Every structure is written in structure tokens, then in C-alpha cells.
Protein backbone atom coordinates (compact mmCIF):
# COMPACT_ATOMS: atom_id res chain seq x y z
CA MET A 1 41.13 59.85 109.36
CA THR A 2 44.84 59.75 108.37
CA TYR A 3 46.38 57.10 106.33
CA PRO A 4 49.65 56.78 104.31
CA LEU A 5 49.17 57.36 100.51
CA SER A 6 51.40 54.29 99.82
CA ILE A 7 53.10 51.20 100.96
CA SER A 8 55.87 49.18 99.57
CA LYS A 9 55.83 45.48 98.64
CA ASP A 10 58.41 45.00 101.25
CA ASP A 11 56.12 46.66 103.97
CA ILE A 12 53.18 44.72 102.75
CA ASN A 13 55.03 41.50 103.33
CA THR A 14 55.66 42.48 106.90
CA LEU A 15 51.89 42.52 107.70
CA PRO A 16 49.91 39.58 108.92
CA LEU A 17 48.01 37.58 106.51
CA TYR A 18 44.49 38.46 105.92
CA VAL A 19 42.30 35.77 107.31
CA PHE A 20 38.38 35.69 106.91
CA ASN A 21 36.75 33.76 109.64
CA GLY A 22 33.32 33.88 108.37
CA THR A 23 31.16 31.41 106.19
CA ILE A 24 32.04 30.64 102.79
CA ILE A 25 29.35 29.19 100.50
CA LEU A 26 30.22 27.48 97.31
CA ILE A 27 27.19 27.46 94.90
CA GLU A 28 27.49 25.04 92.06
CA SER A 29 23.89 24.68 91.12
CA GLU A 30 20.89 26.94 90.23
CA LYS A 31 18.83 25.95 93.24
CA ASP A 32 21.84 26.86 95.47
CA ALA A 33 21.92 30.03 93.82
CA LEU A 34 18.52 31.01 94.30
CA LEU A 35 18.75 30.52 97.95
CA ALA A 36 21.89 32.77 98.05
CA ILE A 37 20.03 35.41 95.98
CA ALA A 38 17.41 35.35 98.52
CA ASP A 39 20.03 36.54 101.18
CA LEU A 40 21.80 38.87 98.96
CA LYS A 41 18.73 40.68 98.04
CA ASN A 42 18.46 42.02 101.59
CA GLU A 43 21.81 43.46 101.58
CA THR A 44 22.92 47.27 101.03
CA VAL A 45 26.59 46.56 100.35
CA LEU A 46 28.40 43.59 98.79
CA GLY A 47 31.97 43.01 98.17
CA PHE A 48 32.48 42.25 94.45
CA ASP A 49 34.94 40.26 92.32
CA THR A 50 35.13 37.61 89.59
CA GLU A 51 37.83 34.98 88.60
CA THR A 52 38.62 33.67 85.06
CA ARG A 53 40.58 30.91 84.05
CA ALA A 54 44.08 32.10 83.26
CA SER A 55 45.16 32.21 79.57
CA PHE A 56 48.79 32.21 78.42
CA ARG A 57 48.23 32.45 74.71
CA LYS A 58 47.67 35.64 72.85
CA GLY A 59 44.15 36.02 71.81
CA GLU A 60 43.14 33.20 74.16
CA ARG A 61 39.99 34.15 76.34
CA TYR A 62 37.77 32.39 78.69
CA PRO A 63 34.49 33.16 80.21
CA VAL A 64 34.05 34.12 83.86
CA ALA A 65 34.10 31.10 85.96
CA LEU A 66 33.51 32.40 89.32
CA LEU A 67 31.64 35.48 90.69
CA GLN A 68 32.15 36.33 94.48
CA LEU A 69 29.62 38.41 96.38
CA ALA A 70 30.36 39.00 100.00
CA THR A 71 28.76 40.34 103.07
CA HIS A 72 30.83 41.01 106.19
CA THR A 73 29.96 37.52 107.60
CA THR A 74 29.45 35.44 104.21
CA SER A 75 31.23 35.15 101.12
CA TYR A 76 29.14 33.55 98.22
CA LEU A 77 31.07 31.96 95.53
CA PHE A 78 29.15 31.38 92.33
CA ARG A 79 30.78 28.89 90.06
CA LEU A 80 29.44 30.29 86.78
CA ASN A 81 31.10 27.37 84.76
CA THR A 82 28.74 24.75 86.51
CA PHE A 83 25.44 26.57 86.01
CA PRO A 84 24.35 29.38 83.64
CA MET A 85 24.49 33.02 84.76
CA MET A 86 20.80 33.39 85.88
CA LYS A 87 18.40 36.69 85.31
CA GLU A 88 18.12 36.61 89.27
CA LEU A 89 21.83 37.01 89.74
CA ALA A 90 22.09 39.62 87.03
CA ASP A 91 19.22 41.35 88.89
CA ILE A 92 21.56 41.84 91.94
CA LEU A 93 24.02 43.32 89.95
CA ALA A 94 21.68 45.86 88.11
CA ASN A 95 19.96 46.66 91.67
CA PRO A 96 20.45 50.29 92.14
CA THR A 97 19.80 49.89 96.00
CA ILE A 98 22.78 47.49 96.44
CA VAL A 99 26.28 48.77 96.24
CA LYS A 100 28.57 46.27 94.57
CA ALA A 101 32.14 47.36 95.58
CA GLY A 102 35.30 45.87 93.93
CA VAL A 103 38.77 46.95 92.56
CA ALA A 104 38.93 47.34 88.68
CA VAL A 105 35.39 46.18 88.12
CA ARG A 106 34.84 47.41 84.60
CA GLU A 107 36.21 44.30 82.90
CA ASP A 108 34.55 42.07 85.40
CA ILE A 109 31.25 43.64 84.55
CA LYS A 110 31.92 43.29 80.86
CA ALA A 111 32.78 39.67 81.34
CA LEU A 112 29.54 38.89 83.24
CA GLN A 113 27.37 40.84 80.61
CA LYS A 114 28.72 38.38 78.16
CA ARG A 115 27.01 35.62 80.17
CA HIS A 116 23.76 37.43 80.70
CA PRO A 117 22.84 40.79 79.62
CA PHE A 118 22.19 43.50 82.16
CA THR A 119 22.73 47.03 83.06
CA PRO A 120 24.90 47.57 86.15
CA HIS A 121 23.65 49.92 88.83
CA ASN A 122 25.51 51.28 91.91
CA VAL A 123 29.02 49.27 90.92
CA VAL A 124 31.67 51.19 92.96
CA ASP A 125 35.40 50.70 91.83
CA LEU A 126 37.19 51.23 95.02
CA SER A 127 40.42 52.13 93.03
CA GLU A 128 38.54 55.25 91.79
CA ILE A 129 37.85 56.39 95.40
CA ALA A 130 41.39 55.67 96.31
CA LYS A 131 42.58 57.72 93.27
CA GLU A 132 40.50 60.61 94.42
CA LYS A 133 42.18 60.55 97.81
CA ASN A 134 45.52 60.80 96.12
CA ILE A 135 46.52 57.21 97.18
CA LEU A 136 49.19 55.48 94.94
CA ASN A 137 48.39 52.06 95.68
CA LEU A 138 45.37 51.15 93.77
CA GLY A 139 45.12 47.42 93.61
CA LEU A 140 43.33 45.21 96.10
CA ARG A 141 46.23 43.99 97.90
CA GLY A 142 47.62 47.55 98.35
CA LEU A 143 44.28 49.02 99.28
CA THR A 144 44.19 46.09 102.01
CA ALA A 145 47.37 46.71 103.48
CA LEU A 146 46.87 50.49 103.65
CA PHE A 147 43.35 50.44 105.25
CA LEU A 148 43.05 47.01 106.80
CA LYS A 149 46.70 46.68 107.80
CA GLN A 150 46.65 42.93 106.50
CA ARG A 151 48.46 41.37 103.50
CA LEU A 152 46.14 39.65 101.15
CA SER A 153 47.56 36.53 99.64
CA LYS A 154 47.58 36.31 95.79
CA ASN A 155 48.95 32.91 95.52
CA ALA A 156 46.02 31.34 93.65
CA GLN A 157 45.15 34.39 91.32
CA VAL A 158 46.73 32.85 88.28
CA SER A 159 44.99 29.47 88.38
CA ASN A 160 42.42 27.43 86.69
CA TRP A 161 39.13 28.56 87.90
CA ALA A 162 37.13 26.42 85.59
CA ARG A 163 38.63 23.17 86.92
CA GLN A 164 36.05 20.59 88.06
CA THR A 165 36.81 20.99 91.83
CA LEU A 166 38.29 24.19 93.31
CA THR A 167 41.21 23.70 95.71
CA PRO A 168 40.88 24.95 99.24
CA THR A 169 43.42 27.66 98.43
CA GLN A 170 41.27 28.93 95.59
CA ILE A 171 38.36 29.14 97.74
CA THR A 172 39.87 30.86 100.56
CA TYR A 173 41.64 33.29 98.02
CA ALA A 174 38.23 34.11 96.26
CA ALA A 175 36.53 34.45 99.61
CA CYS A 176 38.92 36.80 101.02
CA ASP A 177 39.01 39.13 97.99
CA ALA A 178 35.44 39.76 98.12
CA VAL A 179 35.10 40.21 101.70
CA ALA A 180 38.37 42.68 101.61
CA SER A 181 36.34 44.67 99.12
CA PHE A 182 33.24 44.80 101.34
CA SER A 183 35.49 45.89 104.22
CA LEU A 184 37.55 48.47 102.03
CA TYR A 185 34.55 49.96 100.74
CA HIS A 186 33.48 50.99 104.44
CA ALA A 187 37.00 52.08 105.14
CA LEU A 188 37.20 54.25 102.00
CA SER A 189 33.82 55.68 102.46
CA LYS A 190 34.62 57.27 105.97
């Protein structure tokens, strides 16, 4: 398979917007989390990402507010600011038989370990795979443009992920990031 090694911001902006037409499940309770986890346990690959409330002051840090895990058809958005990080959810991240694929995942994992201790297994950093292929765009937006030929919106990236109610834009953004990671894992693995 041939692919360009880089793409400019101007070229990315000419691409069609990445749209996820699958199911988005917003999870705000332990009960709903257990139902989602029952589905996720049967998967072999999950798109992975987290969101944290943006901080604008030096030294200011917030805990992870949202964990996104996605399949090809469903994006599960776990609102970790509305219920505690559960052992069952940590077990998914520690499961060696399930690939968790995302971009720049090291800090995401560290932040999740602060919520509940676990030893991550089979967590794949897509930017590392891209780097091995000499690709210059290592971020999720650039990789989505190169491999999926679509433009990933980053409009909601710097927002308050710990707010009481997420906006439709935040929900769509979070779902797309995780599903794009799922699709990119398959594209980069070819």
C-alpha cells in the first residue's frame, strides 16, 4: 500500500469532514458502565482516547473526565467525573487479548491509573507505528487525513470535559476521535 508521508494543514482543510454514523453511548453511571463493559469484553480491537478539562494556569491539573472506547459501529463515552473508575473498566485496559489503539496514549494511561491502579496491556500508540513507517504527521488529525482521507474536527478539544452536561459538539468530537483511532489501527496494520 502506498501513502504519502505527510500532509499540510491547508490540504487537510480541503478534505471532507470525518463523520461517524454509528451509535454513541454516553455512560454516566456504574450500572450503564457494566452493560457497556459486557459488550467491550468480546472485542479484539478498541479505539482509545481520553479527555480532560483544559487547564490554563501553570501547575493546574484536572483528573480524566472522559474515557472513550470504540468499535467500528459504537463509541462508548465513559464520563469518569460522574462515577468512579471501576475495576471492571480497568480490567479492559489491562486485558492482553484486546488491543487498545490511540495516539499519544502514554499520558492517557498515566492519568487513568491515577483514577484506578492497573497494569496496561496491548495498548498501541498509533503515532509510534506511523513513525516506524517514516510518516511525518503523527497526530490523530494528520493520520486521519493521510489514511482515512477525511478531516477530523478539533473544535471541542479545549473545552470543559467535566461540565455537568456535555454539548452535542463535545459528544460528537469524543466519539469521532475514538472511532478514528479504531479505523487507523486497521489502516496502519496493513
